[in-house]
Amino acid sequence: MAKNVPEPAAKPAAAKADEEHPGIKPLTRRDYKRLVRTESQISRALALGTDGLLARAKQRDEAASDYLSEEALVYFIRRTDRDRDQSARDTLFRELFARCSPFFRGQFRGFDKATREDVQQEVLMKVVEDILAEDDRADFMEVRFWSYLKRRTISAYRSAFADTDKVESLDTGYLGQGESEGRTKLESLKDKELSPEELAMLSDGLSKLPPRLREVFVLRHKVGMPIGSDNLEDDPPDKLTLAQHFGCSGRTIRNWLRQADELLARLKEKADEEE
């Protein structure tokens, strides 16, 4: 009698992907996995010579069959850097930066032109540093490039908005109070970002807020950063929230926003009385 031979166990999706796209350097950071479409784009482009790759990199129509996503561009930038092909690497970098330009046009509108340009350069320098790093810190860019760029932009915005005036005394009596489940007036009225005009109207009051309250207010209402969950573990790792940024609960963030709103209202009332 023939023995029953058990069927081979199904291979995990990651193993299948490796078989379907041999030759693609795998990601090693935090078990990150590229999107299937990214893997397919990379696989098809691997067969091209340098000239063909650079020509394909300039295709910006996402619906085109020869389109290379930003995540795929990061892969080939890292690959050409490992191959010491500086010319191809720099050409790919220029294409990636060109695609970032529309994103940056919508950022930093609360700053003057010179500051906006400085902050943009800071972000792009960090992109270059991370992509060319010898470790695997750039792996996330091959998974979710735009999420990475937004994180870097928020971090740069925070640095540019760092406090330099002497308003620390305003912390007294506010930051140590109990938390509130209530929503701020601005939070209740709108979830969209403040317009430049609205932010300009608040600029004088914002300059008098304690640094931490000012930062959380601007990141929420200007940058549009989400508040986050009361339990940090509930927030997805690829979506930066205020709770993750400050290392506290969403409840604490809501309390800080309420405090900022109340202080701004008091400062406005005082200014109106003095007029």
Protein backbone atom coordinates (compact mmCIF):
# COMPACT_ATOMS: atom_id res chain seq x y z
CA MET A 1 0.00 0.00 0.00
CA ALA A 2 1.16 3.44 -0.81
CA LYS A 3 1.74 5.57 2.19
CA ASN A 4 -0.16 8.78 2.55
CA VAL A 5 2.29 11.54 1.92
CA PRO A 6 1.26 14.75 3.68
CA GLU A 7 0.98 17.80 1.52
CA PRO A 8 3.66 20.41 2.16
CA ALA A 9 2.57 23.16 4.53
CA ALA A 10 1.55 26.42 2.94
CA LYS A 11 4.33 28.93 2.94
CA PRO A 12 3.81 32.24 4.67
CA ALA A 13 3.02 35.26 2.53
CA ALA A 14 6.44 36.79 3.20
CA ALA A 15 8.19 33.66 1.92
CA LYS A 16 6.00 33.62 -1.18
CA ALA A 17 6.86 37.24 -1.84
CA ASP A 18 10.57 36.44 -1.59
CA GLU A 19 10.14 33.62 -4.13
CA GLU A 20 8.10 35.80 -6.49
CA HIS A 21 10.65 38.61 -6.36
CA PRO A 22 14.09 37.03 -5.94
CA GLY A 23 17.02 39.38 -5.77
CA ILE A 24 15.18 42.12 -3.89
CA LYS A 25 17.01 43.00 -0.70
CA PRO A 26 14.62 42.22 2.18
CA LEU A 27 13.72 44.67 4.92
CA THR A 28 15.02 43.87 8.39
CA ARG A 29 13.61 46.58 10.64
CA ARG A 30 10.69 45.65 12.92
CA ASP A 31 9.40 43.03 10.51
CA TYR A 32 8.43 45.76 8.03
CA LYS A 33 7.04 44.47 4.72
CA ARG A 34 6.77 46.41 1.50
CA LEU A 35 3.40 46.72 -0.19
CA VAL A 36 2.82 44.13 -2.91
CA ARG A 37 2.68 46.83 -5.58
CA THR A 38 6.02 48.23 -4.40
CA GLU A 39 7.63 44.79 -4.63
CA SER A 40 6.20 44.35 -8.13
CA GLN A 41 7.47 47.74 -9.28
CA ILE A 42 10.94 46.99 -7.94
CA SER A 43 11.00 43.53 -9.52
CA ARG A 44 10.09 44.86 -12.96
CA ALA A 45 12.62 47.68 -12.75
CA LEU A 46 15.48 45.40 -11.67
CA ALA A 47 15.73 44.09 -15.23
CA LEU A 48 16.41 47.57 -16.59
CA GLY A 49 19.79 49.08 -17.17
CA THR A 50 20.74 52.34 -15.49
CA ASP A 51 19.37 54.52 -18.29
CA GLY A 52 16.09 52.61 -18.32
CA LEU A 53 15.75 52.88 -14.55
CA LEU A 54 16.37 56.64 -14.56
CA ALA A 55 13.87 57.13 -17.39
CA ARG A 56 11.24 55.11 -15.53
CA ALA A 57 11.87 57.09 -12.33
CA LYS A 58 10.66 60.24 -14.12
CA GLN A 59 7.22 58.73 -14.79
CA ARG A 60 4.84 60.49 -12.35
CA ASP A 61 1.54 59.11 -13.59
CA GLU A 62 0.55 56.67 -10.84
CA ALA A 63 -1.80 54.86 -13.21
CA ALA A 64 0.99 54.13 -15.71
CA SER A 65 2.32 50.57 -15.87
CA ASP A 66 5.91 51.79 -15.64
CA TYR A 67 5.33 54.03 -12.60
CA LEU A 68 7.76 53.75 -9.70
CA SER A 69 6.36 54.78 -6.33
CA GLU A 70 8.32 56.88 -3.86
CA GLU A 71 8.90 53.73 -1.82
CA ALA A 72 10.43 52.04 -4.89
CA LEU A 73 12.58 55.11 -5.54
CA VAL A 74 13.97 54.85 -2.01
CA TYR A 75 14.84 51.19 -2.67
CA PHE A 76 16.80 52.06 -5.82
CA ILE A 77 18.52 55.03 -4.19
CA ARG A 78 19.80 52.71 -1.48
CA ARG A 79 20.75 50.10 -4.10
CA THR A 80 22.69 52.52 -6.31
CA ASP A 81 24.44 53.86 -3.21
CA ARG A 82 25.55 50.34 -2.27
CA ASP A 83 26.75 49.86 -5.86
CA ARG A 84 28.76 53.13 -5.63
CA ASP A 85 26.83 54.55 -8.60
CA GLN A 86 26.78 58.11 -7.33
CA SER A 87 25.50 59.65 -10.57
CA ALA A 88 22.42 57.40 -10.73
CA ARG A 89 21.86 57.78 -6.98
CA ASP A 90 21.87 61.57 -7.17
CA THR A 91 19.52 61.58 -10.17
CA LEU A 92 17.06 59.42 -8.24
CA PHE A 93 17.38 61.71 -5.23
CA ARG A 94 16.52 64.72 -7.40
CA GLU A 95 13.39 62.97 -8.66
CA LEU A 96 12.33 62.05 -5.14
CA PHE A 97 12.81 65.65 -3.97
CA ALA A 98 10.85 66.96 -6.94
CA ARG A 99 7.92 64.79 -5.88
CA CYS A 100 8.17 66.19 -2.36
CA SER A 101 7.83 69.80 -3.53
CA PRO A 102 3.99 69.84 -3.68
CA PHE A 103 3.89 68.42 -0.14
CA PHE A 104 6.15 71.16 1.23
CA ARG A 105 4.13 73.92 -0.42
CA GLY A 106 1.33 73.18 2.04
CA GLN A 107 3.56 73.25 5.12
CA PHE A 108 5.04 75.95 7.39
CA ARG A 109 2.64 78.68 6.24
CA GLY A 110 2.91 80.29 9.66
CA PHE A 111 6.58 81.11 9.00
CA ASP A 112 8.26 83.63 6.72
CA LYS A 113 9.72 82.46 3.39
CA ALA A 114 13.32 82.21 4.63
CA THR A 115 12.30 80.07 7.62
CA ARG A 116 10.14 77.83 5.43
CA GLU A 117 13.06 77.22 3.10
CA ASP A 118 15.39 76.49 6.01
CA VAL A 119 12.98 74.00 7.56
CA GLN A 120 12.38 72.29 4.22
CA GLN A 121 16.12 71.91 3.73
CA GLU A 122 16.42 70.47 7.22
CA VAL A 123 13.80 67.84 6.43
CA LEU A 124 15.41 66.90 3.10
CA MET A 125 18.84 66.66 4.71
CA LYS A 126 17.35 64.23 7.24
CA VAL A 127 15.82 62.22 4.39
CA VAL A 128 19.25 61.92 2.76
CA GLU A 129 20.91 61.03 6.07
CA ASP A 130 18.39 58.28 6.83
CA ILE A 131 18.38 56.79 3.33
CA LEU A 132 22.18 56.61 3.20
CA ALA A 133 22.58 55.30 6.75
CA GLU A 134 24.36 51.96 6.99
CA ASP A 135 21.70 50.55 9.31
CA ASP A 136 18.07 49.77 8.42
CA ARG A 137 16.45 53.00 9.60
CA ALA A 138 15.27 53.77 6.05
CA ASP A 139 13.21 50.57 5.85
CA PHE A 140 10.05 52.40 6.89
CA MET A 141 10.46 54.73 3.89
CA GLU A 142 10.13 51.68 1.63
CA VAL A 143 6.85 50.85 3.36
CA ARG A 144 5.17 54.25 3.90
CA PHE A 145 7.26 57.09 2.52
CA TRP A 146 4.69 59.86 3.00
CA SER A 147 4.05 58.85 6.62
CA TYR A 148 7.80 59.05 7.22
CA LEU A 149 8.01 62.48 5.57
CA LYS A 150 5.11 63.83 7.61
CA ARG A 151 6.80 62.67 10.82
CA ARG A 152 10.04 64.37 9.85
CA THR A 153 8.17 67.53 8.91
CA ILE A 154 6.34 67.68 12.23
CA SER A 155 9.63 67.18 14.06
CA ALA A 156 11.25 70.01 12.06
CA TYR A 157 8.23 72.23 12.68
CA ARG A 158 8.57 71.57 16.39
CA SER A 159 12.23 72.59 16.34
CA ALA A 160 11.47 75.77 14.41
CA PHE A 161 8.71 76.60 16.85
CA ALA A 162 10.95 76.03 19.89
CA ASP A 163 10.37 78.56 22.65
CA THR A 164 12.92 81.32 23.17
CA ASP A 165 10.95 83.83 25.26
CA LYS A 166 10.44 83.87 29.02
CA VAL A 167 6.89 82.70 29.61
CA GLU A 168 7.60 79.63 31.75
CA SER A 169 5.84 81.22 34.74
CA LEU A 170 2.49 80.74 33.01
CA ASP A 171 2.86 76.99 33.61
CA THR A 172 2.04 77.59 37.28
CA GLY A 173 -1.53 76.73 38.13
CA TYR A 174 -2.34 75.13 34.80
CA LEU A 175 -0.17 72.16 33.87
CA GLY A 176 -0.61 70.49 37.26
CA GLN A 177 -4.40 70.55 37.31
CA GLY A 178 -6.57 67.48 36.92
CA GLU A 179 -7.44 66.16 33.50
CA SER A 180 -10.75 66.75 31.80
CA GLU A 181 -12.69 64.61 29.36
CA GLY A 182 -14.20 67.74 27.81
CA ARG A 183 -13.35 68.93 24.32
CA THR A 184 -11.90 72.37 23.74
CA LYS A 185 -14.01 75.04 22.08
CA LEU A 186 -11.91 74.84 18.93
CA GLU A 187 -11.98 71.04 19.06
CA SER A 188 -15.77 71.09 19.30
CA LEU A 189 -16.21 73.62 16.51
CA LYS A 190 -13.83 72.14 13.97
CA ASP A 191 -11.48 69.25 13.31
CA LYS A 192 -9.82 70.90 10.33
CA GLU A 193 -6.58 72.82 10.53
CA LEU A 194 -6.66 76.52 11.27
CA SER A 195 -6.21 78.76 8.25
CA PRO A 196 -3.21 81.14 8.13
CA GLU A 197 -5.62 84.01 8.80
CA GLU A 198 -7.09 82.33 11.87
CA LEU A 199 -3.65 81.49 13.19
CA ALA A 200 -2.50 85.07 12.61
CA MET A 201 -5.41 86.34 14.71
CA LEU A 202 -4.21 84.11 17.56
CA SER A 203 -0.49 84.79 17.12
CA ASP A 204 -0.19 87.37 19.91
CA GLY A 205 -1.94 85.12 22.40
CA LEU A 206 0.03 82.08 21.29
CA SER A 207 3.30 83.89 22.00
CA LYS A 208 2.20 84.24 25.64
CA LEU A 209 1.23 80.61 26.17
CA PRO A 210 3.51 78.26 28.10
CA PRO A 211 5.79 76.42 25.64
CA ARG A 212 4.13 73.05 26.05
CA LEU A 213 0.61 74.41 25.62
CA ARG A 214 1.64 76.45 22.60
CA GLU A 215 3.31 73.48 20.97
CA VAL A 216 0.38 71.10 21.45
CA PHE A 217 -2.07 73.77 20.24
CA VAL A 218 -0.10 74.47 17.04
CA LEU A 219 0.60 70.81 16.28
CA ARG A 220 -3.11 70.08 16.63
CA HIS A 221 -4.75 73.08 15.01
CA LYS A 222 -2.08 74.13 12.50
CA VAL A 223 -0.28 70.92 11.55
CA GLY A 224 -3.41 68.78 11.98
CA MET A 225 -1.71 66.12 14.11
CA PRO A 226 -4.29 63.67 15.59
CA ILE A 227 -4.74 63.52 19.36
CA GLY A 228 -4.33 59.77 19.79
CA SER A 229 -5.82 57.15 22.06
CA ASP A 230 -5.92 57.10 25.83
CA ASN A 231 -3.85 53.92 25.58
CA LEU A 232 -0.71 54.55 23.49
CA GLU A 233 -0.59 50.91 22.42
CA ASP A 234 -3.88 51.38 20.56
CA ASP A 235 -2.34 53.88 18.12
CA PRO A 236 -0.86 52.43 14.88
CA PRO A 237 2.96 52.78 14.80
CA ASP A 238 2.90 54.35 11.33
CA LYS A 239 0.62 57.24 12.33
CA LEU A 240 2.24 59.75 14.65
CA THR A 241 -0.15 61.22 17.21
CA LEU A 242 0.17 63.95 19.83
CA ALA A 243 -0.09 61.29 22.54
CA GLN A 244 2.88 59.41 21.05
CA HIS A 245 4.80 62.64 20.47
CA PHE A 246 4.49 63.77 24.09
CA GLY A 247 4.49 60.28 25.63
CA CYS A 248 1.16 60.66 27.42
CA SER A 249 -2.49 59.70 27.01
CA GLY A 250 -4.96 61.25 24.61
CA ARG A 251 -6.89 62.35 27.66
CA THR A 252 -3.93 64.44 28.84
CA ILE A 253 -3.62 65.99 25.37
CA ARG A 254 -7.30 66.97 25.44
CA ASN A 255 -6.75 68.54 28.84
CA TRP A 256 -3.79 70.57 27.57
CA LEU A 257 -5.82 71.75 24.58
CA ARG A 258 -8.59 72.85 26.94
CA GLN A 259 -6.08 74.76 29.07
CA ALA A 260 -4.62 76.46 25.98
CA ASP A 261 -8.10 77.41 24.81
CA GLU A 262 -9.00 78.89 28.21
CA LEU A 263 -5.76 80.87 28.42
CA LEU A 264 -6.21 82.25 24.91
CA ALA A 265 -9.76 83.32 25.79
CA ARG A 266 -8.54 85.09 28.96
CA LEU A 267 -5.72 86.82 27.10
CA LYS A 268 -8.16 88.01 24.43
CA GLU A 269 -10.56 89.34 27.07
CA LYS A 270 -7.71 91.22 28.75
CA ALA A 271 -6.60 92.70 25.41
CA ASP A 272 -10.17 93.80 24.64
CA GLU A 273 -10.45 95.51 28.04
CA GLU A 274 -7.22 97.44 27.45
CA GLU A 275 -8.39 98.81 24.09
